[in-house]
């Protein structure tokens, strides 16, 4: 079976237990961004998701373990600027 979706990365808002999934919808030729409830890094694919395409939920269900364990997490790097005097 051909996949109609491809997850690119996720990012988490730990203070409100939400997780955003960004990916490609190959049937529409567009990117998607969907939000899920994810307490304790456990994505809840059946919590308030009735408005999402069922095929997308099935695809994300297959990827659930990878999502929960951080395989798709986008990493944020901190840039430290070193301001030295040029004396």
N, C-alpha and C. Protein backbone atom coordinates (compact mmCIF):
# COMPACT_ATOMS: atom_id res chain seq x y z
N UNK A 1 0.84 -1.19 0.00
CA UNK A 1 0.00 0.00 0.00
C UNK A 1 0.89 1.25 0.00
N UNK A 2 0.57 2.16 -0.84
CA UNK A 2 1.33 3.40 -0.96
C UNK A 2 0.95 4.37 0.15
N UNK A 3 1.96 5.00 0.72
CA UNK A 3 1.72 5.99 1.79
C UNK A 3 1.34 7.33 1.15
N UNK A 4 0.30 7.93 1.66
CA UNK A 4 -0.14 9.24 1.17
C UNK A 4 0.44 10.38 2.01
N UNK A 5 1.05 10.02 3.12
CA UNK A 5 1.59 11.02 4.03
C UNK A 5 3.02 10.67 4.39
N UNK A 6 3.78 11.70 4.74
CA UNK A 6 5.16 11.49 5.22
C UNK A 6 5.40 12.51 6.33
N UNK A 7 5.73 12.02 7.50
CA UNK A 7 6.03 12.89 8.63
C UNK A 7 7.46 13.38 8.51
N UNK A 8 7.66 14.68 8.63
CA UNK A 8 9.01 15.25 8.55
C UNK A 8 9.60 15.47 9.93
N UNK A 9 8.86 16.16 10.80
CA UNK A 9 9.34 16.38 12.17
C UNK A 9 8.19 16.78 13.07
N UNK A 10 8.44 16.71 14.37
CA UNK A 10 7.46 17.16 15.37
C UNK A 10 8.15 18.12 16.33
N UNK A 11 7.37 18.97 16.94
CA UNK A 11 7.89 19.78 18.04
C UNK A 11 6.85 19.81 19.15
N UNK A 12 7.35 19.89 20.37
CA UNK A 12 6.53 19.75 21.56
C UNK A 12 6.45 21.06 22.35
N UNK A 13 5.31 21.28 22.95
CA UNK A 13 5.14 22.37 23.90
C UNK A 13 4.84 21.71 25.24
N UNK A 14 5.89 21.41 25.98
CA UNK A 14 5.75 20.61 27.20
C UNK A 14 4.89 21.29 28.27
N UNK A 15 4.89 22.60 28.31
CA UNK A 15 4.13 23.29 29.34
C UNK A 15 2.62 23.11 29.18
N UNK A 16 2.14 22.84 27.96
CA UNK A 16 0.70 22.61 27.76
C UNK A 16 0.43 21.23 27.15
N UNK A 17 1.43 20.36 27.13
CA UNK A 17 1.30 18.96 26.68
C UNK A 17 0.73 18.83 25.26
N UNK A 18 1.21 19.67 24.36
CA UNK A 18 0.77 19.58 22.97
C UNK A 18 1.95 19.19 22.09
N UNK A 19 1.64 18.55 20.98
CA UNK A 19 2.65 18.12 20.03
C UNK A 19 2.16 18.50 18.63
N UNK A 20 3.02 19.11 17.84
CA UNK A 20 2.69 19.50 16.48
C UNK A 20 3.45 18.60 15.52
N UNK A 21 2.76 18.03 14.55
CA UNK A 21 3.36 17.16 13.54
C UNK A 21 3.36 17.91 12.21
N UNK A 22 4.52 18.01 11.59
CA UNK A 22 4.64 18.61 10.27
C UNK A 22 5.08 17.55 9.28
N UNK A 23 4.43 17.58 8.12
CA UNK A 23 4.76 16.58 7.11
C UNK A 23 4.19 16.95 5.76
N UNK A 24 4.22 15.95 4.87
CA UNK A 24 3.72 16.14 3.50
C UNK A 24 2.48 15.29 3.29
N UNK A 25 1.50 15.89 2.60
CA UNK A 25 0.31 15.19 2.14
C UNK A 25 0.49 15.03 0.63
N UNK A 26 0.85 13.83 0.20
CA UNK A 26 1.16 13.60 -1.22
C UNK A 26 -0.09 13.59 -2.10
N UNK A 27 -1.27 13.34 -1.52
CA UNK A 27 -2.49 13.35 -2.32
C UNK A 27 -2.87 14.77 -2.74
N UNK A 28 -2.59 15.73 -1.87
CA UNK A 28 -2.91 17.13 -2.17
C UNK A 28 -1.69 17.93 -2.62
N UNK A 29 -0.51 17.34 -2.51
CA UNK A 29 0.71 18.05 -2.87
C UNK A 29 0.94 19.25 -1.98
N UNK A 30 0.73 19.06 -0.68
CA UNK A 30 0.83 20.18 0.26
C UNK A 30 1.44 19.69 1.57
N UNK A 31 1.95 20.64 2.32
CA UNK A 31 2.44 20.34 3.66
C UNK A 31 1.26 20.38 4.62
N UNK A 32 1.39 19.67 5.74
CA UNK A 32 0.37 19.73 6.78
C UNK A 32 1.03 19.98 8.13
N UNK A 33 0.27 20.57 9.01
CA UNK A 33 0.67 20.76 10.40
C UNK A 33 -0.56 20.47 11.25
N UNK A 34 -0.47 19.44 12.07
CA UNK A 34 -1.59 19.05 12.92
C UNK A 34 -1.14 19.04 14.37
N UNK A 35 -2.07 19.32 15.25
CA UNK A 35 -1.77 19.43 16.67
C UNK A 35 -2.46 18.29 17.42
N UNK A 36 -1.75 17.70 18.39
CA UNK A 36 -2.28 16.62 19.19
C UNK A 36 -1.99 16.85 20.67
N UNK A 37 -2.86 16.31 21.49
CA UNK A 37 -2.63 16.28 22.93
C UNK A 37 -1.60 15.19 23.19
N UNK A 38 -0.57 15.50 23.97
CA UNK A 38 0.52 14.55 24.20
C UNK A 38 1.07 14.67 25.62
N UNK A 39 0.29 14.23 26.62
CA UNK A 39 0.80 14.30 27.99
C UNK A 39 1.91 13.28 28.20
N UNK A 40 2.94 13.67 28.88
CA UNK A 40 4.07 12.78 29.19
C UNK A 40 4.66 12.13 27.94
N UNK A 41 4.74 12.89 26.85
CA UNK A 41 5.30 12.41 25.58
C UNK A 41 4.59 11.15 25.07
N UNK A 42 3.28 11.10 25.22
CA UNK A 42 2.46 10.00 24.74
C UNK A 42 1.35 10.59 23.86
N UNK A 43 1.60 10.62 22.55
CA UNK A 43 0.65 11.26 21.64
C UNK A 43 -0.71 10.54 21.69
N UNK A 44 -1.77 11.32 21.84
CA UNK A 44 -3.12 10.80 21.94
C UNK A 44 -3.82 10.99 20.58
N UNK A 45 -3.79 9.95 19.76
CA UNK A 45 -4.32 10.05 18.39
C UNK A 45 -5.84 9.94 18.31
N UNK A 46 -6.48 9.69 19.43
CA UNK A 46 -7.95 9.61 19.43
C UNK A 46 -8.59 10.70 20.29
N UNK A 47 -7.80 11.66 20.72
CA UNK A 47 -8.31 12.76 21.54
C UNK A 47 -8.55 13.98 20.65
N UNK A 48 -9.83 14.28 20.38
CA UNK A 48 -10.21 15.46 19.59
C UNK A 48 -9.55 15.47 18.21
N UNK A 49 -9.59 14.35 17.51
CA UNK A 49 -8.97 14.26 16.19
C UNK A 49 -9.96 13.88 15.09
N UNK A 50 -11.25 13.94 15.38
CA UNK A 50 -12.28 13.57 14.40
C UNK A 50 -12.26 14.41 13.14
N UNK A 51 -11.69 15.60 13.20
CA UNK A 51 -11.65 16.49 12.04
C UNK A 51 -10.43 16.23 11.15
N UNK A 52 -9.52 15.35 11.57
CA UNK A 52 -8.36 15.00 10.75
C UNK A 52 -8.71 13.82 9.83
N UNK A 53 -8.08 13.74 8.66
CA UNK A 53 -8.36 12.62 7.76
C UNK A 53 -8.02 11.27 8.41
N UNK A 54 -8.91 10.30 8.30
CA UNK A 54 -8.65 8.98 8.91
C UNK A 54 -7.35 8.33 8.41
N UNK A 55 -7.02 8.54 7.14
CA UNK A 55 -5.77 7.98 6.60
C UNK A 55 -4.55 8.57 7.30
N UNK A 56 -4.62 9.85 7.64
CA UNK A 56 -3.52 10.49 8.35
C UNK A 56 -3.38 9.90 9.75
N UNK A 57 -4.48 9.70 10.43
CA UNK A 57 -4.44 9.12 11.78
C UNK A 57 -3.89 7.70 11.73
N UNK A 58 -4.28 6.92 10.72
CA UNK A 58 -3.74 5.56 10.57
C UNK A 58 -2.23 5.59 10.33
N UNK A 59 -1.78 6.52 9.48
CA UNK A 59 -0.34 6.65 9.23
C UNK A 59 0.40 7.02 10.51
N UNK A 60 -0.11 8.00 11.25
CA UNK A 60 0.54 8.43 12.48
C UNK A 60 0.50 7.34 13.54
N UNK A 61 -0.52 6.49 13.51
CA UNK A 61 -0.60 5.36 14.44
C UNK A 61 0.57 4.40 14.21
N UNK A 62 0.93 4.20 12.94
CA UNK A 62 2.08 3.34 12.63
C UNK A 62 3.39 3.96 13.12
N UNK A 63 3.44 5.29 13.15
CA UNK A 63 4.65 6.01 13.56
C UNK A 63 4.65 6.39 15.04
N UNK A 64 3.60 6.01 15.77
CA UNK A 64 3.40 6.46 17.15
C UNK A 64 4.62 6.19 18.04
N UNK A 65 5.16 4.99 18.00
CA UNK A 65 6.30 4.68 18.85
C UNK A 65 7.49 5.58 18.54
N UNK A 66 7.76 5.84 17.28
CA UNK A 66 8.86 6.73 16.90
C UNK A 66 8.60 8.15 17.37
N UNK A 67 7.34 8.59 17.25
CA UNK A 67 6.98 9.95 17.69
C UNK A 67 7.18 10.07 19.20
N UNK A 68 6.64 9.10 19.95
CA UNK A 68 6.72 9.15 21.41
C UNK A 68 8.15 9.09 21.93
N UNK A 69 9.01 8.37 21.24
CA UNK A 69 10.39 8.22 21.72
C UNK A 69 11.32 9.31 21.20
N UNK A 70 10.80 10.25 20.41
CA UNK A 70 11.61 11.40 20.00
C UNK A 70 12.33 11.27 18.68
N UNK A 71 12.05 10.22 17.90
CA UNK A 71 12.75 10.02 16.63
C UNK A 71 12.49 11.14 15.63
N UNK A 72 11.34 11.79 15.72
CA UNK A 72 11.00 12.86 14.79
C UNK A 72 11.18 14.25 15.39
N UNK A 73 11.63 14.34 16.64
CA UNK A 73 11.76 15.64 17.30
C UNK A 73 12.74 16.53 16.55
N UNK A 74 12.35 17.76 16.36
CA UNK A 74 13.26 18.75 15.78
C UNK A 74 14.14 19.25 16.91
N UNK A 75 15.38 19.38 16.64
CA UNK A 75 16.33 19.83 17.64
C UNK A 75 16.54 21.33 17.50
N UNK A 76 16.63 21.99 18.63
CA UNK A 76 16.89 23.43 18.64
C UNK A 76 18.25 23.66 19.26
N UNK A 77 19.07 24.35 18.54
CA UNK A 77 20.41 24.64 19.02
C UNK A 77 20.48 26.08 19.49
N UNK A 78 21.20 26.29 20.57
CA UNK A 78 21.36 27.62 21.11
C UNK A 78 22.63 28.24 20.55
N UNK A 79 22.52 29.45 20.09
CA UNK A 79 23.67 30.17 19.55
C UNK A 79 24.17 31.14 20.61
N UNK A 80 25.42 30.98 20.99
CA UNK A 80 26.04 31.88 21.95
C UNK A 80 27.00 32.79 21.20
N UNK A 81 26.76 34.06 21.31
CA UNK A 81 27.64 35.03 20.66
C UNK A 81 28.72 35.45 21.64
N UNK A 82 29.91 35.48 21.16
CA UNK A 82 31.05 35.84 21.99
C UNK A 82 31.46 37.27 21.62
N UNK A 83 31.16 38.20 22.49
CA UNK A 83 31.47 39.60 22.23
C UNK A 83 32.75 39.97 22.95
N UNK A 84 33.85 39.83 22.26
CA UNK A 84 35.15 40.20 22.84
C UNK A 84 35.54 41.59 22.34
N UNK A 85 36.17 42.30 23.21
CA UNK A 85 36.70 43.62 22.80
C UNK A 85 37.84 43.39 21.81
N UNK A 86 37.96 44.26 20.83
CA UNK A 86 39.02 44.13 19.83
C UNK A 86 40.25 44.96 20.20
N UNK A 87 40.48 45.16 21.49
CA UNK A 87 41.61 45.97 21.95
C UNK A 87 42.91 45.27 21.79
